[in-house]
N, C-alpha and C. Protein backbone atom coordinates (compact mmCIF):
# COMPACT_ATOMS: atom_id res chain seq x y z
N PHE A 1 72.50 -2.22 -24.16
CA PHE A 1 71.55 -1.51 -23.85
C PHE A 1 69.98 -1.77 -24.08
N PHE A 2 69.25 -2.52 -23.51
CA PHE A 2 67.65 -2.92 -24.03
C PHE A 2 66.74 -1.81 -23.19
N PHE A 3 65.54 -1.42 -24.07
CA PHE A 3 64.84 -0.31 -23.39
C PHE A 3 63.29 -1.05 -23.26
N PHE A 4 62.75 -1.20 -22.19
CA PHE A 4 61.78 -1.78 -21.73
C PHE A 4 60.56 -0.61 -21.56
N PRO A 5 59.57 -0.76 -22.80
CA PRO A 5 58.52 0.26 -22.45
C PRO A 5 57.70 -0.13 -20.99
N PRO A 6 57.31 1.17 -20.71
CA PRO A 6 56.47 1.07 -19.34
C PRO A 6 55.09 0.34 -19.53
N PRO A 7 54.91 -0.40 -18.87
CA PRO A 7 54.09 -1.30 -18.23
C PRO A 7 53.15 -0.59 -18.78
N ARG A 8 51.88 -0.94 -19.31
CA ARG A 8 50.52 -0.59 -19.77
C ARG A 8 49.49 -1.11 -18.82
N PHE A 9 48.80 -0.58 -17.95
CA PHE A 9 47.98 -0.97 -17.28
C PHE A 9 46.46 -0.81 -18.08
N PHE A 10 45.91 -2.42 -17.65
CA PHE A 10 44.47 -1.61 -18.54
C PHE A 10 43.30 -1.87 -17.77
N PHE A 11 42.78 -1.38 -17.77
CA PHE A 11 41.37 -1.04 -17.04
C PHE A 11 40.13 -1.21 -17.61
N PRO A 12 39.69 -2.97 -17.53
CA PRO A 12 38.33 -2.80 -18.12
C PRO A 12 37.19 -1.75 -17.45
N PRO A 13 36.32 -1.31 -19.11
CA PRO A 13 35.59 -0.96 -18.46
C PRO A 13 34.55 -1.17 -17.68
N PRO A 14 33.65 0.01 -16.89
CA PRO A 14 32.84 -0.17 -15.78
C PRO A 14 31.33 -0.98 -16.64
N PRO A 15 30.50 -1.64 -15.78
CA PRO A 15 29.34 -2.53 -16.32
C PRO A 15 28.71 -1.56 -16.74
N PRO A 16 27.45 -2.01 -17.74
CA PRO A 16 26.10 -0.94 -17.89
C PRO A 16 26.06 -0.46 -16.48
N LYS A 17 25.71 -1.32 -15.79
CA LYS A 17 24.80 -0.98 -14.45
C LYS A 17 25.60 0.01 -13.35
N PHE A 18 27.16 0.11 -14.10
CA PHE A 18 27.88 1.49 -13.14
C PHE A 18 26.88 2.78 -13.66
N PHE A 19 26.92 2.48 -14.96
CA PHE A 19 25.96 3.71 -15.88
C PHE A 19 24.73 4.11 -15.70
N PHE A 20 23.86 3.11 -15.34
CA PHE A 20 22.49 3.62 -14.87
C PHE A 20 22.47 3.58 -13.51
N PHE A 21 23.37 3.01 -12.54
CA PHE A 21 23.07 3.74 -11.04
C PHE A 21 24.04 4.97 -10.88
N LEU A 22 24.83 5.56 -12.14
CA LEU A 22 25.44 7.00 -11.61
C LEU A 22 24.28 8.10 -12.00
N SER A 23 23.42 7.40 -13.26
CA SER A 23 22.80 8.20 -13.75
C SER A 23 21.50 8.41 -12.58
N PHE A 24 20.70 7.79 -12.03
CA PHE A 24 20.18 7.44 -11.04
C PHE A 24 20.39 8.45 -10.31
N CYS A 25 21.92 8.38 -9.72
CA CYS A 25 21.92 9.27 -8.09
C CYS A 25 22.31 10.79 -8.86
N VAL A 26 22.81 11.27 -9.85
CA VAL A 26 22.67 12.38 -10.23
C VAL A 26 21.41 13.23 -10.53
N ARG A 27 20.79 13.73 -10.20
CA ARG A 27 19.39 14.32 -10.53
C ARG A 27 19.77 15.54 -11.22
N LYS A 28 19.39 15.40 -12.70
CA LYS A 28 18.98 16.40 -13.53
C LYS A 28 17.63 17.16 -13.61
N PRO A 29 17.77 18.75 -13.74
CA PRO A 29 16.36 19.25 -13.59
C PRO A 29 15.70 19.24 -14.70
N MET A 30 14.28 19.36 -14.46
CA MET A 30 13.75 19.29 -15.87
C MET A 30 12.82 20.40 -16.37
N ASP A 31 12.46 20.58 -17.76
CA ASP A 31 12.57 21.48 -17.75
C ASP A 31 10.50 21.50 -17.93
N LEU A 32 9.98 22.96 -17.83
CA LEU A 32 9.03 22.86 -17.90
C LEU A 32 7.46 21.92 -18.54
N PRO A 33 7.70 21.60 -19.18
CA PRO A 33 6.59 20.99 -20.07
C PRO A 33 6.80 19.25 -19.61
N THR A 34 8.36 19.14 -19.25
CA THR A 34 8.54 17.95 -18.35
C THR A 34 7.52 17.65 -16.90
N VAL A 35 7.67 18.99 -16.36
CA VAL A 35 7.52 18.76 -15.15
C VAL A 35 5.85 19.11 -14.85
N VAL A 36 5.17 19.66 -16.40
CA VAL A 36 3.92 19.59 -15.97
C VAL A 36 3.19 18.24 -16.23
N SER A 37 4.25 17.63 -17.46
CA SER A 37 3.53 16.51 -17.58
C SER A 37 3.18 15.23 -16.40
N ARG A 38 4.73 15.45 -15.88
CA ARG A 38 5.11 14.43 -14.44
C ARG A 38 4.10 14.87 -13.67
N THR A 39 3.77 15.77 -13.03
CA THR A 39 2.80 16.28 -12.12
C THR A 39 1.55 16.34 -12.20
N SER A 40 1.24 15.85 -13.67
CA SER A 40 -0.19 15.68 -14.31
C SER A 40 -0.97 17.00 -13.84
N ALA A 41 -0.12 18.22 -14.15
CA ALA A 41 -0.77 19.20 -13.91
C ALA A 41 -1.82 19.89 -14.89
N SER A 42 -2.83 20.37 -14.38
CA SER A 42 -4.24 20.74 -15.57
C SER A 42 -4.01 21.68 -16.24
N PRO A 43 -4.45 22.20 -17.66
CA PRO A 43 -3.78 23.33 -18.55
C PRO A 43 -3.83 24.78 -17.58
N ALA A 44 -4.71 25.17 -16.91
CA ALA A 44 -4.74 26.18 -16.30
C ALA A 44 -3.09 26.48 -15.59
N VAL A 45 -3.05 25.51 -15.00
CA VAL A 45 -1.86 24.87 -13.76
C VAL A 45 -0.46 25.59 -14.99
N ALA A 46 -0.43 25.11 -16.20
CA ALA A 46 0.39 25.20 -16.92
C ALA A 46 0.62 26.27 -17.28
N SER A 47 -0.71 26.94 -17.99
CA SER A 47 -0.25 28.16 -18.65
C SER A 47 0.43 29.29 -17.24
N LYS A 48 -0.42 29.15 -16.37
CA LYS A 48 0.16 29.97 -15.36
C LYS A 48 1.27 29.93 -14.72
N ALA A 49 1.88 28.15 -14.86
CA ALA A 49 3.03 28.52 -14.36
C ALA A 49 4.20 28.68 -15.64
N ALA A 50 3.76 28.58 -16.87
CA ALA A 50 4.61 29.30 -17.81
C ALA A 50 4.59 30.94 -17.69
N GLU A 51 3.41 31.21 -17.36
CA GLU A 51 3.31 32.92 -16.86
C GLU A 51 4.67 33.22 -16.40
N LEU A 52 4.57 33.05 -14.68
CA LEU A 52 5.42 32.81 -13.71
C LEU A 52 7.57 32.64 -13.88
N LEU A 53 7.39 31.66 -15.16
CA LEU A 53 8.24 31.47 -15.55
C LEU A 53 9.09 32.68 -16.31
N ARG A 54 8.21 33.09 -17.19
CA ARG A 54 8.56 34.04 -17.88
C ARG A 54 9.16 35.49 -16.71
N MET A 55 8.16 35.96 -16.13
CA MET A 55 8.22 36.63 -14.95
C MET A 55 9.41 36.43 -14.56
N ALA A 56 9.79 35.17 -13.82
CA ALA A 56 10.55 34.46 -12.77
C ALA A 56 12.67 34.59 -13.62
N GLU A 57 12.53 34.54 -14.96
CA GLU A 57 13.27 34.62 -15.86
C GLU A 57 13.98 36.09 -15.90
N SER A 58 12.77 37.05 -16.19
CA SER A 58 13.48 38.40 -16.44
C SER A 58 13.82 39.14 -14.99
N ARG A 59 13.78 37.96 -13.85
CA ARG A 59 14.05 38.90 -12.56
C ARG A 59 14.95 38.20 -11.66
N THR A 60 15.75 37.36 -12.31
CA THR A 60 16.35 36.53 -11.35
C THR A 60 17.69 37.24 -11.50
N ARG A 61 17.79 37.64 -11.43
CA ARG A 61 19.16 39.06 -11.17
C ARG A 61 18.84 39.11 -9.60
N MET A 62 17.79 39.28 -9.00
CA MET A 62 17.89 40.26 -8.09
C MET A 62 17.83 38.74 -6.78
N MET A 63 17.88 37.51 -7.63
CA MET A 63 17.35 36.71 -6.53
C MET A 63 18.69 36.10 -6.45
N LYS A 64 19.64 35.89 -7.63
CA LYS A 64 21.03 35.13 -7.40
C LYS A 64 22.07 35.90 -6.20
N THR A 65 21.64 36.89 -5.50
CA THR A 65 22.44 37.35 -4.75
C THR A 65 22.29 36.52 -3.09
N ASP A 66 21.63 35.37 -2.84
CA ASP A 66 21.12 34.52 -1.90
C ASP A 66 22.35 33.11 -2.63
N LYS A 67 22.59 32.72 -1.72
CA LYS A 67 23.42 32.00 -1.92
C LYS A 67 23.21 30.40 -2.10
N LYS A 68 21.71 30.04 -1.70
CA LYS A 68 20.87 29.17 -1.77
C LYS A 68 19.81 28.89 -3.20
N PHE A 69 19.57 30.40 -3.75
CA PHE A 69 19.01 30.26 -4.68
C PHE A 69 19.58 29.67 -6.25
N SER A 70 18.64 28.49 -6.87
CA SER A 70 19.30 28.03 -7.74
C SER A 70 17.70 28.53 -9.43
N SER A 71 18.11 29.03 -10.26
CA SER A 71 17.46 29.06 -11.15
C SER A 71 17.17 28.12 -12.11
N LEU A 72 18.07 26.53 -11.39
CA LEU A 72 17.34 25.51 -12.10
C LEU A 72 16.56 24.74 -11.51
N CYS A 73 15.79 25.43 -10.17
CA CYS A 73 14.32 24.35 -10.08
C CYS A 73 13.28 25.49 -10.45
N LEU A 74 13.18 26.31 -11.28
CA LEU A 74 12.32 27.66 -11.65
C LEU A 74 11.17 26.88 -12.22
N PRO A 75 11.18 25.99 -12.84
CA PRO A 75 9.99 25.37 -13.85
C PRO A 75 9.44 24.16 -12.75
N ALA A 76 10.42 23.66 -11.71
CA ALA A 76 9.16 23.10 -10.73
C ALA A 76 8.60 23.68 -9.72
N VAL A 77 9.66 25.16 -9.47
CA VAL A 77 8.75 25.95 -8.69
C VAL A 77 8.04 26.91 -9.15
N CYS A 78 7.47 26.87 -10.35
CA CYS A 78 6.63 27.44 -10.64
C CYS A 78 5.42 26.98 -10.89
N VAL A 79 5.42 25.48 -10.81
CA VAL A 79 4.47 24.42 -11.03
C VAL A 79 4.16 24.21 -10.13
N GLU A 80 4.25 24.45 -8.79
CA GLU A 80 4.22 24.44 -7.50
C GLU A 80 3.26 25.80 -7.09
N LEU A 81 3.98 26.65 -7.38
CA LEU A 81 3.22 28.22 -7.12
C LEU A 81 1.96 28.40 -7.91
N ALA A 82 2.25 27.74 -9.36
CA ALA A 82 1.11 28.04 -9.72
C ALA A 82 -0.38 26.68 -9.47
N SER A 83 -0.15 26.00 -8.85
CA SER A 83 -0.92 25.19 -8.16
C SER A 83 -1.94 25.75 -7.67
N SER A 84 -0.98 26.43 -6.67
CA SER A 84 -1.42 27.17 -5.37
C SER A 84 -2.59 28.28 -5.94
N LEU A 85 -1.68 29.09 -6.86
CA LEU A 85 -2.77 30.28 -7.27
C LEU A 85 -4.12 29.85 -7.50
N CYS A 86 -3.77 28.82 -8.47
CA CYS A 86 -4.97 28.64 -9.28
C CYS A 86 -6.30 27.57 -8.22
N GLY A 87 -5.97 27.65 -6.97
CA GLY A 87 -7.04 27.12 -5.93
C GLY A 87 -6.92 25.77 -5.84
N GLU A 88 -5.62 24.83 -6.33
CA GLU A 88 -5.51 23.48 -6.10
C GLU A 88 -4.04 23.32 -4.87
N VAL A 89 -5.03 22.25 -4.32
CA VAL A 89 -4.46 22.03 -2.69
C VAL A 89 -3.06 21.29 -3.50
N VAL A 90 -1.80 21.59 -2.87
CA VAL A 90 -0.44 21.08 -3.32
C VAL A 90 -0.78 19.89 -1.82
N SER A 91 -0.55 18.43 -2.75
CA SER A 91 0.01 17.37 -1.42
C SER A 91 0.96 17.46 -1.20
N LYS A 92 1.36 16.41 -0.56
CA LYS A 92 2.53 16.71 0.11
C LYS A 92 3.45 15.87 -0.73
N GLU A 93 2.80 14.73 -1.02
CA GLU A 93 3.31 13.53 -2.16
C GLU A 93 3.88 14.33 -3.64
N THR A 94 3.11 15.82 -3.89
CA THR A 94 3.28 16.90 -5.35
C THR A 94 4.11 17.53 -5.30
N SER A 95 4.15 18.10 -3.99
CA SER A 95 5.57 18.95 -3.26
C SER A 95 6.60 18.10 -3.31
N ALA A 96 6.85 16.95 -3.19
CA ALA A 96 8.33 15.93 -3.25
C ALA A 96 8.27 15.67 -4.15
N LEU A 97 7.51 15.51 -5.31
CA LEU A 97 7.82 15.05 -6.45
C LEU A 97 8.24 16.32 -7.59
N CYS A 98 7.74 17.55 -7.04
CA CYS A 98 8.44 18.91 -7.37
C CYS A 98 9.66 18.99 -6.85
N VAL A 99 10.28 18.60 -6.12
CA VAL A 99 11.65 18.64 -5.12
C VAL A 99 12.77 18.08 -5.96
N ARG A 100 12.16 16.65 -6.12
CA ARG A 100 12.97 15.94 -7.29
C ARG A 100 13.33 16.02 -8.41
N LEU A 101 12.36 16.73 -8.98
CA LEU A 101 12.02 17.15 -10.33
C LEU A 101 12.95 18.45 -10.67
N SER A 102 13.11 19.08 -9.79
CA SER A 102 13.94 20.59 -9.83
C SER A 102 15.57 19.96 -9.90
N GLY A 103 16.05 18.59 -9.45
CA GLY A 103 17.66 18.70 -9.67
C GLY A 103 18.04 19.03 -8.94
N THR A 104 17.74 20.20 -7.30
CA THR A 104 18.03 20.26 -6.46
C THR A 104 17.97 19.76 -5.05
N SER A 105 18.53 20.21 -3.83
CA SER A 105 18.10 20.04 -2.66
C SER A 105 16.71 20.32 -2.40
N ARG A 106 16.07 19.54 -1.06
CA ARG A 106 14.88 20.10 -0.27
C ARG A 106 15.15 21.57 -0.06
N SER A 107 16.42 22.12 0.64
CA SER A 107 16.88 23.31 1.03
C SER A 107 16.69 24.62 -0.06
N VAL A 108 17.60 24.00 -0.68
CA VAL A 108 17.37 25.03 -1.94
C VAL A 108 16.16 25.10 -2.70
N TYR A 109 16.09 24.25 -2.92
CA TYR A 109 14.21 24.27 -3.81
C TYR A 109 13.20 25.50 -2.58
N LYS A 110 13.31 25.05 -1.42
CA LYS A 110 12.51 26.17 -0.58
C LYS A 110 12.93 27.50 -0.72
N THR A 111 14.12 27.39 -0.43
CA THR A 111 14.89 28.90 -0.33
C THR A 111 14.04 29.43 -1.92
N THR A 112 14.23 28.72 -2.67
CA THR A 112 14.13 29.48 -4.17
C THR A 112 12.37 29.72 -4.26
N PHE A 113 11.65 28.49 -3.90
CA PHE A 113 10.65 28.86 -3.41
C PHE A 113 9.65 30.25 -3.23
N SER A 114 10.68 30.16 -1.59
CA SER A 114 10.22 31.30 -0.59
C SER A 114 10.71 33.08 -1.42
N LEU A 115 11.78 32.61 -2.27
CA LEU A 115 12.45 34.44 -3.09
C LEU A 115 11.42 34.43 -4.24
N LEU A 116 11.08 33.64 -4.93
CA LEU A 116 10.29 34.06 -5.82
C LEU A 116 9.17 34.25 -5.42
N GLN A 117 8.10 33.90 -4.34
CA GLN A 117 6.79 34.34 -3.90
C GLN A 117 7.34 35.87 -3.41
N SER A 118 8.14 36.01 -2.75
CA SER A 118 8.45 37.30 -2.33
C SER A 118 8.99 38.23 -3.43
N LEU A 119 9.86 37.87 -4.27
CA LEU A 119 9.83 38.55 -5.40
C LEU A 119 8.49 39.09 -6.42
N LEU A 120 7.94 38.32 -6.46
CA LEU A 120 6.62 37.75 -7.04
C LEU A 120 5.40 38.84 -6.54
N GLY A 121 5.86 39.28 -5.39
CA GLY A 121 4.96 39.36 -4.71
C GLY A 121 3.22 38.82 -4.49
N LEU A 122 3.88 37.23 -4.02
CA LEU A 122 2.54 35.83 -4.24
C LEU A 122 2.65 35.55 -2.71
N GLN A 123 3.16 35.54 -1.67
CA GLN A 123 2.95 35.40 -0.27
C GLN A 123 1.35 35.10 0.06
N PRO A 124 1.28 33.83 0.18
CA PRO A 124 -0.64 33.52 0.77
C PRO A 124 -0.33 33.57 2.12
N LYS A 125 -1.60 33.71 2.10
CA LYS A 125 -2.26 34.25 3.36
C LYS A 125 -2.58 32.81 4.06
N HIS A 126 -1.98 32.23 4.41
CA HIS A 126 -2.11 30.89 5.09
C HIS A 126 -3.39 30.48 5.69
N GLU A 127 -4.15 29.02 5.27
CA GLU A 127 -5.36 29.00 5.49
C GLU A 127 -5.04 27.34 6.20
N ILE A 128 -5.77 27.10 6.93
CA ILE A 128 -5.91 26.44 8.40
C ILE A 128 -5.32 24.99 7.13
N GLN A 129 -6.28 24.67 6.74
CA GLN A 129 -6.67 23.40 5.47
C GLN A 129 -5.57 23.51 4.50
N GLY A 130 -5.43 24.38 3.95
CA GLY A 130 -4.09 24.27 2.69
C GLY A 130 -2.66 24.08 3.59
N LEU A 131 -2.50 24.48 4.91
CA LEU A 131 -1.34 24.52 5.93
C LEU A 131 -1.27 22.91 6.20
N ALA A 132 -2.37 22.60 6.60
CA ALA A 132 -2.67 20.76 6.75
C ALA A 132 -2.33 19.99 5.93
N ALA A 133 -2.75 20.74 4.94
CA ALA A 133 -2.71 19.28 3.46
C ALA A 133 -1.22 19.54 3.27
N ARG A 134 -0.05 20.13 3.34
CA ARG A 134 1.05 20.50 3.28
C ARG A 134 1.89 19.48 3.95
N LEU A 135 1.37 19.64 5.47
CA LEU A 135 2.04 19.17 6.22
C LEU A 135 1.67 17.89 6.69
N ASP A 136 0.67 17.29 6.04
CA ASP A 136 0.02 16.47 5.90
C ASP A 136 -0.36 15.69 7.02
N VAL A 137 -1.16 16.82 7.92
CA VAL A 137 -1.72 16.61 9.14
C VAL A 137 -3.14 17.31 9.02
N MET A 138 -3.81 16.68 8.25
CA MET A 138 -5.50 16.99 8.17
C MET A 138 -6.01 16.62 9.44
N ALA A 139 -5.75 15.25 10.22
CA ALA A 139 -6.50 14.67 11.43
C ALA A 139 -6.99 15.77 12.19
N VAL A 140 -5.72 17.02 12.01
CA VAL A 140 -5.73 17.85 13.03
C VAL A 140 -6.75 19.73 12.50
N ALA A 141 -6.68 19.06 11.76
CA ALA A 141 -7.70 20.35 10.86
C ALA A 141 -8.32 21.28 11.65
N LYS A 142 -9.92 20.31 11.84
CA LYS A 142 -10.59 20.94 12.36
C LYS A 142 -10.38 21.15 13.84
N ARG A 143 -9.64 21.08 14.61
CA ARG A 143 -9.29 21.42 15.80
C ARG A 143 -8.53 22.70 15.54
N ALA A 144 -7.50 22.75 14.60
CA ALA A 144 -6.68 23.75 14.77
C ALA A 144 -7.43 25.29 13.73
N GLU A 145 -8.14 25.05 13.54
CA GLU A 145 -8.94 26.27 12.83
C GLU A 145 -10.28 26.52 14.21
N GLU A 146 -10.63 25.90 15.37
CA GLU A 146 -11.55 26.37 16.35
C GLU A 146 -10.22 26.79 17.25
N ILE A 147 -8.70 26.33 17.28
CA ILE A 147 -7.63 27.36 18.23
C ILE A 147 -7.96 28.44 17.04
N PHE A 148 -7.54 28.78 15.86
CA PHE A 148 -7.14 29.65 15.21
C PHE A 148 -8.69 31.03 15.38
N ASN A 149 -9.76 30.60 15.26
CA ASN A 149 -10.61 31.26 15.68
C ASN A 149 -11.06 32.12 17.30
N LEU A 150 -10.14 31.10 18.06
CA LEU A 150 -10.35 31.75 19.33
C LEU A 150 -9.03 33.05 19.81
N PHE A 151 -7.83 32.42 18.57
CA PHE A 151 -7.17 33.34 18.81
C PHE A 151 -7.23 35.19 18.25
N VAL A 152 -8.47 34.82 17.33
CA VAL A 152 -9.04 35.86 16.25
C VAL A 152 -9.87 36.17 17.34
N GLU A 153 -10.65 35.69 18.59
CA GLU A 153 -11.72 36.72 19.23
C GLU A 153 -10.94 36.66 20.21
N GLN A 154 -9.69 36.52 21.19
CA GLN A 154 -9.60 37.17 22.54
C GLN A 154 -8.12 38.37 21.51
N THR A 155 -8.18 38.39 20.38
CA THR A 155 -7.86 39.95 19.95
C THR A 155 -8.54 41.04 19.66
N PRO A 156 -8.72 42.27 20.15
CA PRO A 156 -9.18 43.51 19.58
C PRO A 156 -9.47 43.65 18.59
N PRO A 157 -10.54 44.18 18.38
CA PRO A 157 -11.64 44.41 16.91
C PRO A 157 -10.82 45.02 16.27
N GLY A 158 -10.05 45.98 16.10
CA GLY A 158 -8.88 46.67 15.40
C GLY A 158 -8.30 46.01 14.77
N GLN A 159 -7.48 44.98 15.74
CA GLN A 159 -6.05 44.09 15.25
C GLN A 159 -6.76 42.85 14.55
N GLN A 160 -8.12 42.08 14.50
CA GLN A 160 -8.23 41.11 13.97
C GLN A 160 -7.98 40.84 12.44
N ASP A 161 -7.76 41.82 12.00
CA ASP A 161 -7.80 41.39 10.34
C ASP A 161 -5.80 40.80 10.58
N SER A 162 -5.37 41.64 11.13
CA SER A 162 -3.76 41.37 11.05
C SER A 162 -3.58 40.06 11.40
N VAL A 163 -4.73 39.39 12.37
CA VAL A 163 -4.15 38.11 13.18
C VAL A 163 -4.25 37.32 11.82
N LYS A 164 -5.68 37.31 11.19
CA LYS A 164 -5.89 36.67 10.62
C LYS A 164 -5.19 36.65 9.38
N SER A 165 -4.26 37.88 8.89
CA SER A 165 -3.26 37.50 7.94
C SER A 165 -1.75 37.25 8.05
N ASN A 166 -1.45 36.96 9.56
CA ASN A 166 -0.36 36.60 9.92
C ASN A 166 -0.33 34.72 9.66
N SER A 167 0.21 34.93 8.93
CA SER A 167 0.59 33.22 9.23
C SER A 167 1.24 32.46 10.24
N VAL A 168 2.03 32.85 11.05
CA VAL A 168 2.50 32.48 12.94
C VAL A 168 1.30 31.83 13.74
N TYR A 169 -0.22 32.75 13.09
CA TYR A 169 -1.41 32.45 14.38
C TYR A 169 -1.72 31.03 13.61
N CYS A 170 -1.79 30.78 12.32
CA CYS A 170 -2.27 29.62 12.28
C CYS A 170 -1.05 28.26 12.18
N ALA A 171 0.45 28.39 12.10
CA ALA A 171 0.89 27.53 12.73
C ALA A 171 1.52 27.01 13.94
N ALA A 172 0.69 28.27 14.31
CA ALA A 172 0.57 27.96 16.38
C ALA A 172 -0.43 27.32 16.48
N ALA A 173 -1.86 27.47 15.86
CA ALA A 173 -3.10 26.65 16.00
C ALA A 173 -2.49 25.12 15.35
N LEU A 174 -2.17 25.14 14.65
CA LEU A 174 -1.85 23.61 14.24
C LEU A 174 -0.85 23.16 14.84
N SER A 175 -0.25 23.51 15.52
CA SER A 175 0.89 23.24 16.31
C SER A 175 0.43 22.18 17.76
N LEU A 176 -0.55 23.26 18.39
CA LEU A 176 -1.46 23.13 19.43
C LEU A 176 -2.33 22.42 18.83
N ALA A 177 -3.21 22.06 18.21
CA ALA A 177 -3.82 21.43 17.86
C ALA A 177 -2.90 19.51 17.80
N ALA A 178 -1.72 19.59 17.28
CA ALA A 178 -0.89 18.47 17.23
C ALA A 178 -0.67 17.99 18.42
N ARG A 179 -0.26 18.95 19.41
CA ARG A 179 0.26 18.22 20.85
C ARG A 179 -1.19 18.10 21.55
N GLU A 180 -2.28 18.57 21.08
CA GLU A 180 -3.87 17.92 21.78
C GLU A 180 -3.72 16.57 21.57
N ALA A 181 -3.26 15.88 19.89
CA ALA A 181 -3.81 14.64 19.54
C ALA A 181 -2.42 13.96 20.08
N LYS A 182 -1.36 14.47 20.51
CA LYS A 182 -0.39 13.68 21.00
C LYS A 182 -0.63 12.99 22.20
N ASP A 183 -1.13 14.21 22.80
CA ASP A 183 -1.55 13.74 24.82
C ASP A 183 -2.77 13.52 24.30
N ARG A 184 -3.42 12.92 23.35
CA ARG A 184 -4.60 11.47 23.58
C ARG A 184 -3.61 9.96 22.89
N LYS A 185 -2.70 10.30 22.93
CA LYS A 185 -2.18 9.11 21.86
C LYS A 185 -2.27 8.52 20.56
N GLU A 186 -2.88 9.67 19.90
CA GLU A 186 -3.42 9.79 18.48
C GLU A 186 -1.20 9.80 17.86
N LYS A 187 -1.48 9.05 16.58
CA LYS A 187 -0.46 9.45 15.67
C LYS A 187 -0.61 10.81 15.07
N VAL A 188 0.33 11.67 15.22
CA VAL A 188 -0.09 12.92 14.42
C VAL A 188 1.74 13.28 14.27
N LYS A 189 2.14 13.31 12.91
CA LYS A 189 3.94 13.66 13.35
C LYS A 189 3.78 15.06 12.20
N LEU A 190 3.99 16.26 13.09
CA LEU A 190 3.86 17.61 12.46
C LEU A 190 5.37 17.99 12.48
N SER A 191 6.03 18.60 11.53
CA SER A 191 7.47 19.03 10.87
C SER A 191 6.53 20.44 11.26
N GLU A 192 7.45 20.75 12.44
CA GLU A 192 8.46 21.97 12.51
C GLU A 192 9.07 22.82 12.05
N PRO A 193 10.36 22.20 11.76
CA PRO A 193 10.96 22.69 10.43
C PRO A 193 10.30 22.91 9.09
N THR A 194 9.99 22.57 8.90
CA THR A 194 8.66 22.65 7.31
C THR A 194 7.91 23.44 7.13
N MET A 195 7.47 23.85 8.38
CA MET A 195 6.27 24.17 8.52
C MET A 195 6.63 25.88 8.50
N ARG A 196 7.65 25.82 9.67
CA ARG A 196 8.81 27.18 9.17
C ARG A 196 9.58 27.66 7.97
N THR A 197 9.47 26.62 7.25
CA THR A 197 9.90 27.51 5.51
C THR A 197 8.65 27.36 4.97
N LEU A 198 7.41 27.04 5.42
CA LEU A 198 6.36 27.40 4.59
C LEU A 198 5.88 28.54 5.14
N CYS A 199 5.85 28.91 5.62
CA CYS A 199 4.57 30.10 6.38
C CYS A 199 6.39 31.23 6.68
N GLY A 200 7.44 31.09 6.95
CA GLY A 200 8.25 32.05 7.02
C GLY A 200 8.14 32.86 8.00
N TYR A 201 7.32 32.33 9.48
CA TYR A 201 7.44 33.17 10.60
C TYR A 201 8.95 33.39 11.34
N ASN A 202 8.61 34.42 12.29
CA ASN A 202 10.01 34.81 13.27
C ASN A 202 9.83 33.60 14.22
N THR A 203 10.60 33.06 14.92
CA THR A 203 10.83 31.86 15.99
C THR A 203 10.33 32.92 17.15
N THR A 204 10.99 33.70 17.51
CA THR A 204 10.17 34.51 18.86
C THR A 204 8.99 34.73 18.95
N SER A 205 8.20 35.17 17.60
CA SER A 205 6.68 35.43 17.93
C SER A 205 6.19 34.43 17.85
N TYR A 206 6.48 33.08 17.22
CA TYR A 206 5.58 31.96 16.89
C TYR A 206 5.86 31.28 18.34
N ARG A 207 7.21 31.60 19.30
CA ARG A 207 7.02 31.13 21.03
C ARG A 207 5.69 31.66 21.28
N LYS A 208 5.92 33.21 21.36
CA LYS A 208 5.19 34.03 22.20
C LYS A 208 3.48 33.33 21.61
N VAL A 209 3.23 33.21 20.76
CA VAL A 209 1.76 32.91 20.27
C VAL A 209 1.50 32.14 20.86
N LEU A 210 2.86 31.06 21.19
CA LEU A 210 2.26 29.70 21.70
C LEU A 210 1.60 30.10 22.73
N SER A 211 2.48 30.49 23.89
CA SER A 211 2.40 30.83 25.05
C SER A 211 1.31 31.69 25.83
N LEU A 212 0.28 32.41 24.78
CA LEU A 212 -1.19 32.72 25.24
C LEU A 212 -1.76 31.75 25.41
N SER A 213 -2.52 31.99 26.20
CA SER A 213 -3.39 31.68 27.20
C SER A 213 -5.06 31.35 26.36
N LEU A 214 -5.42 30.09 26.38
CA LEU A 214 -6.57 30.30 25.21
C LEU A 214 -7.97 30.01 26.36
N SER A 215 -9.17 30.85 26.43
CA SER A 215 -10.15 29.92 26.97
C SER A 215 -11.25 30.24 26.50
């Protein structure tokens, strides 16, 4: 009787390039100092972001009920939010960099951003220039401001403040200005899903505002 040991299968180790590719695909969230350094944030923004992060970490239990919330991206969210609060215009490139440094998907990042704004009571009053910069449609910002002013002028005096503070009118003004630019064969690409995420408006209200006749 002869006993033959089971064959040993030898799998060669993967090449070093495989581990480099794997580390590139798996994004890791960055801590606050790293995000501040990578985004070249100013000292004022860094200080404000640290303050927001302390406030956020003490209240995250209230946000964890949302399935799309992730505490991993809080440092990046706080840096972007602090930049807006310090009066700096957050460009589309900077926002995309924050998403990449967060280690999460864009949808999770935007949801966490909106939830943190709501929790801390920091919902911004969207202005045309800031919103146009975030959406990379500065070419139609001037015309959008004119349309927005028409919305305000056509509203009774007692209700004009509510129009000025409602982000749906800013979004509608940008959308109408972009449509006019497209009719003139100008290259303007406005992402309405991104605009809806940033402004948080109701789709029905948005369509109702778009249907208003401006003269």
